[in-house]
N, C-alpha and C. Protein backbone atom coordinates (compact mmCIF):
# COMPACT_ATOMS: atom_id res chain seq x y z
N MET A 1 1.27 -1.24 0.06
CA MET A 1 -0.33 0.35 -0.04
C MET A 1 0.99 1.65 -0.01
N GLY A 2 2.14 1.01 0.27
CA GLY A 2 3.19 2.50 0.29
C GLY A 2 2.42 3.76 0.90
N ASP A 3 1.72 4.88 0.75
CA ASP A 3 1.34 5.64 1.91
C ASP A 3 0.46 5.55 1.58
N ARG A 4 -0.62 4.61 1.23
CA ARG A 4 -2.04 5.10 1.32
C ARG A 4 -2.41 5.02 2.31
N ILE A 5 -3.30 5.34 3.00
CA ILE A 5 -4.66 4.66 3.96
C ILE A 5 -5.94 4.50 3.66
N ILE A 6 -6.73 3.45 4.51
CA ILE A 6 -8.14 3.54 4.17
C ILE A 6 -8.73 4.35 5.37
N VAL A 7 -9.83 4.88 4.80
CA VAL A 7 -10.73 6.08 5.77
C VAL A 7 -11.94 5.67 5.61
N GLN A 8 -12.53 5.36 6.38
CA GLN A 8 -14.71 4.82 6.70
C GLN A 8 -14.83 6.15 6.29
N ALA A 9 -15.66 6.68 5.63
CA ALA A 9 -16.06 8.22 5.48
C ALA A 9 -16.80 8.45 6.89
N ALA A 10 -16.95 9.65 7.56
CA ALA A 10 -17.99 10.45 8.71
C ALA A 10 -19.11 10.77 8.15
N SER A 11 -20.10 10.17 8.63
CA SER A 11 -21.80 10.49 7.56
C SER A 11 -21.70 11.60 8.61
N LYS A 12 -22.46 12.80 7.64
CA LYS A 12 -23.29 14.14 7.43
C LYS A 12 -24.42 14.01 8.11
N GLU A 13 -24.27 13.57 9.22
CA GLU A 13 -26.15 13.80 9.46
C GLU A 13 -26.48 14.71 10.58
N GLU A 14 -27.51 15.74 8.88
CA GLU A 14 -27.28 16.80 9.52
C GLU A 14 -28.88 17.54 9.78
N LYS A 15 -28.99 19.01 11.01
CA LYS A 15 -30.59 18.68 11.30
C LYS A 15 -30.94 19.95 10.70
N THR A 16 -32.04 20.14 10.31
CA THR A 16 -32.66 21.24 10.01
C THR A 16 -33.00 22.33 11.27
N LEU A 17 -33.16 24.21 11.40
CA LEU A 17 -33.38 24.41 12.14
C LEU A 17 -34.81 24.23 12.57
N SER A 18 -36.07 23.21 11.89
CA SER A 18 -37.03 23.18 12.40
C SER A 18 -36.88 21.57 12.83
N GLY A 19 -35.58 21.17 12.94
CA GLY A 19 -35.76 20.12 13.76
C GLY A 19 -35.40 18.78 12.83
N ILE A 20 -35.84 18.73 11.65
CA ILE A 20 -35.81 17.59 10.40
C ILE A 20 -34.08 16.78 10.30
N ILE A 21 -34.01 15.82 10.80
CA ILE A 21 -32.80 15.24 10.19
C ILE A 21 -32.30 14.79 9.01
N LEU A 22 -31.61 15.45 8.29
CA LEU A 22 -31.50 15.35 6.97
C LEU A 22 -30.34 13.72 6.94
N PRO A 23 -30.35 12.83 6.27
CA PRO A 23 -29.48 11.57 6.58
C PRO A 23 -28.67 12.03 5.81
N ASP A 24 -27.33 11.50 5.28
CA ASP A 24 -26.15 11.55 4.80
C ASP A 24 -26.88 11.10 3.28
N MET A 25 -27.29 10.51 2.52
CA MET A 25 -27.76 9.97 1.49
C MET A 25 -28.79 10.94 1.21
N ALA A 26 -28.84 12.09 2.10
CA ALA A 26 -29.86 13.10 1.28
C ALA A 26 -29.08 14.04 0.20
N ASP A 27 -28.13 13.94 0.66
CA ASP A 27 -26.39 15.23 0.32
C ASP A 27 -25.41 14.18 -0.63
N LYS A 28 -25.62 14.48 -2.14
CA LYS A 28 -24.88 13.36 -2.66
C LYS A 28 -23.17 13.95 -2.83
N GLU A 29 -22.39 14.52 -2.13
CA GLU A 29 -21.70 15.29 -1.80
C GLU A 29 -20.84 14.09 -1.58
N ARG A 30 -19.45 14.02 -1.80
CA ARG A 30 -18.24 13.31 -1.30
C ARG A 30 -18.29 13.59 0.04
N PRO A 31 -17.04 12.33 0.80
CA PRO A 31 -17.13 13.16 1.99
C PRO A 31 -15.57 13.74 1.29
N GLU A 32 -15.73 14.72 3.25
CA GLU A 32 -14.25 15.25 3.11
C GLU A 32 -13.59 14.48 4.22
N GLN A 33 -14.16 14.12 5.40
CA GLN A 33 -13.72 13.71 6.56
C GLN A 33 -13.98 12.73 7.04
N GLY A 34 -13.20 11.59 7.82
CA GLY A 34 -13.40 10.15 7.84
C GLY A 34 -12.25 9.66 8.95
N ASN A 35 -12.41 8.70 9.63
CA ASN A 35 -11.63 8.16 10.54
C ASN A 35 -11.00 6.72 9.94
N VAL A 36 -9.42 6.69 10.40
CA VAL A 36 -8.51 5.69 9.61
C VAL A 36 -8.48 4.49 10.24
N VAL A 37 -8.83 3.79 8.97
CA VAL A 37 -8.79 2.32 9.65
C VAL A 37 -7.62 1.28 9.24
N ALA A 38 -7.15 2.26 8.61
CA ALA A 38 -5.73 0.72 8.47
C ALA A 38 -4.51 2.08 7.67
N ILE A 39 -3.13 1.58 8.12
CA ILE A 39 -1.65 2.83 7.23
C ILE A 39 -1.06 1.47 6.90
N GLY A 40 -0.45 1.99 5.54
CA GLY A 40 0.47 1.56 4.51
C GLY A 40 1.52 1.60 5.20
N PRO A 41 2.68 1.10 4.81
CA PRO A 41 4.17 0.80 5.86
C PRO A 41 4.79 2.44 5.28
N GLY A 42 4.22 3.17 4.86
CA GLY A 42 5.17 4.80 4.52
C GLY A 42 5.33 4.20 3.06
N ARG A 43 5.82 5.33 2.47
CA ARG A 43 6.57 5.49 0.75
C ARG A 43 8.02 4.86 1.37
N VAL A 44 9.11 4.93 -0.45
CA VAL A 44 9.89 4.13 0.21
C VAL A 44 10.86 5.64 -0.64
N LEU A 45 11.23 6.08 0.18
CA LEU A 45 12.90 7.23 -0.08
C LEU A 45 13.53 6.57 -1.25
N ASP A 46 14.16 7.52 -1.87
CA ASP A 46 15.58 7.06 -2.66
C ASP A 46 16.41 6.62 -1.99
N ASN A 47 16.74 6.12 -0.79
CA ASN A 47 17.67 5.60 -0.48
C ASN A 47 17.34 4.50 -0.10
N GLY A 48 16.20 3.47 -0.57
CA GLY A 48 15.42 2.82 0.66
C GLY A 48 14.90 2.67 1.17
N THR A 49 15.15 3.66 2.05
CA THR A 49 14.14 3.66 3.74
C THR A 49 12.90 3.28 3.17
N ARG A 50 11.68 3.33 4.46
CA ARG A 50 10.79 4.05 3.79
C ARG A 50 10.27 5.02 5.62
N ALA A 51 9.77 6.35 4.45
CA ALA A 51 9.27 7.44 5.44
C ALA A 51 8.03 6.93 6.57
N PRO A 52 8.52 7.30 7.40
CA PRO A 52 6.95 7.06 8.55
C PRO A 52 5.77 7.42 8.23
N MET A 53 4.54 7.02 8.52
CA MET A 53 3.62 8.03 8.10
C MET A 53 2.84 9.07 9.72
N ASN A 54 2.10 9.91 9.09
CA ASN A 54 2.82 10.60 9.74
C ASN A 54 0.45 9.78 10.67
N VAL A 55 -0.13 9.85 9.84
CA VAL A 55 -1.40 9.38 10.77
C VAL A 55 -1.22 8.07 11.29
N LYS A 56 -2.45 8.09 12.02
CA LYS A 56 -2.67 6.52 12.82
C LYS A 56 -3.56 6.00 12.49
N VAL A 57 -3.86 4.87 12.85
CA VAL A 57 -4.43 4.20 12.76
C VAL A 57 -6.11 4.76 14.27
N GLY A 58 -7.30 5.32 13.91
CA GLY A 58 -7.66 6.09 14.56
C GLY A 58 -8.02 7.24 14.72
N ASP A 59 -7.37 8.08 13.88
CA ASP A 59 -6.82 9.32 13.45
C ASP A 59 -8.14 9.63 13.01
N LYS A 60 -8.68 10.88 13.05
CA LYS A 60 -9.86 11.40 12.34
C LYS A 60 -9.23 12.55 11.69
N VAL A 61 -9.25 12.43 10.11
CA VAL A 61 -8.48 13.34 8.95
C VAL A 61 -9.53 14.00 8.30
N VAL A 62 -8.87 14.93 7.59
CA VAL A 62 -9.85 15.64 6.54
C VAL A 62 -8.63 15.46 5.52
N PHE A 63 -9.29 15.77 4.64
CA PHE A 63 -8.80 15.37 3.22
C PHE A 63 -9.57 16.12 2.16
N LYS A 64 -8.30 16.14 0.58
CA LYS A 64 -9.41 16.94 -0.33
C LYS A 64 -9.85 16.28 -1.21
N LYS A 65 -11.15 16.63 -1.72
CA LYS A 65 -12.92 16.31 -1.73
C LYS A 65 -12.87 14.86 -3.03
N TYR A 66 -11.93 15.18 -3.53
CA TYR A 66 -11.85 13.86 -5.24
C TYR A 66 -10.93 13.08 -5.42
N SER A 67 -9.86 13.70 -4.25
CA SER A 67 -8.92 12.74 -4.89
C SER A 67 -9.12 11.15 -4.21
N PRO A 68 -9.89 10.66 -3.06
CA PRO A 68 -9.62 9.21 -2.94
C PRO A 68 -10.44 8.06 -4.08
N ASP A 69 -10.16 6.56 -3.54
CA ASP A 69 -11.00 6.32 -4.46
C ASP A 69 -11.83 5.16 -3.56
N GLU A 70 -13.27 4.93 -4.16
CA GLU A 70 -13.83 4.23 -3.56
C GLU A 70 -14.16 2.96 -3.53
N VAL A 71 -13.50 1.62 -2.31
CA VAL A 71 -13.90 0.69 -2.97
C VAL A 71 -15.52 -0.16 -1.63
N LYS A 72 -15.61 -1.04 -1.57
CA LYS A 72 -16.73 -1.89 -0.49
C LYS A 72 -16.41 -2.43 -0.64
N VAL A 73 -15.93 -3.42 1.12
CA VAL A 73 -15.90 -4.39 1.51
C VAL A 73 -16.68 -5.24 2.62
N ASP A 74 -17.63 -6.00 1.98
CA ASP A 74 -18.79 -6.32 2.65
C ASP A 74 -19.47 -5.81 3.55
N ASP A 75 -19.95 -5.25 2.40
CA ASP A 75 -21.21 -4.23 2.41
C ASP A 75 -20.37 -2.77 3.37
N THR A 76 -19.62 -2.07 3.28
CA THR A 76 -19.14 -1.09 3.83
C THR A 76 -18.24 -0.37 3.14
N ASP A 77 -18.07 0.33 2.50
CA ASP A 77 -18.10 1.51 2.05
C ASP A 77 -16.32 2.47 2.63
N TYR A 78 -15.38 2.28 2.32
CA TYR A 78 -13.99 2.42 2.88
C TYR A 78 -13.46 3.68 1.23
N LEU A 79 -12.31 4.44 1.81
CA LEU A 79 -11.96 5.14 0.78
C LEU A 79 -10.16 5.13 1.18
N VAL A 80 -9.75 5.34 -0.38
CA VAL A 80 -8.30 4.17 -0.27
C VAL A 80 -7.70 6.06 -0.59
N ILE A 81 -6.64 6.50 0.58
CA ILE A 81 -6.32 7.95 0.14
C ILE A 81 -4.69 8.19 0.16
N SER A 82 -3.55 9.09 -0.24
CA SER A 82 -2.99 8.74 -0.49
C SER A 82 -2.62 9.84 0.64
N GLU A 83 -1.35 9.49 1.24
CA GLU A 83 -1.64 10.02 2.51
C GLU A 83 -0.55 11.69 2.41
N SER A 84 -0.77 12.06 1.21
CA SER A 84 -0.63 13.63 1.09
C SER A 84 -1.05 14.17 0.57
N ASP A 85 -2.77 13.25 0.56
CA ASP A 85 -3.95 14.64 0.22
C ASP A 85 -4.74 14.39 1.09
N VAL A 86 -3.85 14.28 2.79
CA VAL A 86 -4.52 14.90 3.74
C VAL A 86 -4.31 15.70 4.41
N LEU A 87 -5.59 16.55 4.32
CA LEU A 87 -4.90 17.94 5.08
C LEU A 87 -4.84 18.24 6.43
N ALA A 88 -5.29 17.84 7.25
CA ALA A 88 -5.15 17.82 8.71
C ALA A 88 -6.09 16.37 9.43
N VAL A 89 -5.33 16.73 10.57
CA VAL A 89 -5.46 15.42 11.75
C VAL A 89 -6.53 16.05 12.39
N ILE A 90 -7.86 15.94 12.66
CA ILE A 90 -8.28 16.49 13.54
C ILE A 90 -8.58 15.95 15.14
N GLU A 91 -8.06 16.26 15.95
CA GLU A 91 -8.50 16.12 17.61
C GLU A 91 -9.17 16.07 17.91
């Protein structure tokens, strides 16, 4: 996997001012944040060593909107993202 991470998208359940809950499916926009569920070993540098990953499993990350590749495993959707496409780790 190199410097790729697997992210489970965070649901964007929203509530209107009148209290109506809009489920994630109401908005077909791609997610921009999620939780890291797996990471690769890191990118191989020119000298043959691996660069350490800056994210870890369990981190909540914000990433570029159109960078992830979508995969489905056992009825669960995951996103495969390059670590360089991660914009921030939310604590």
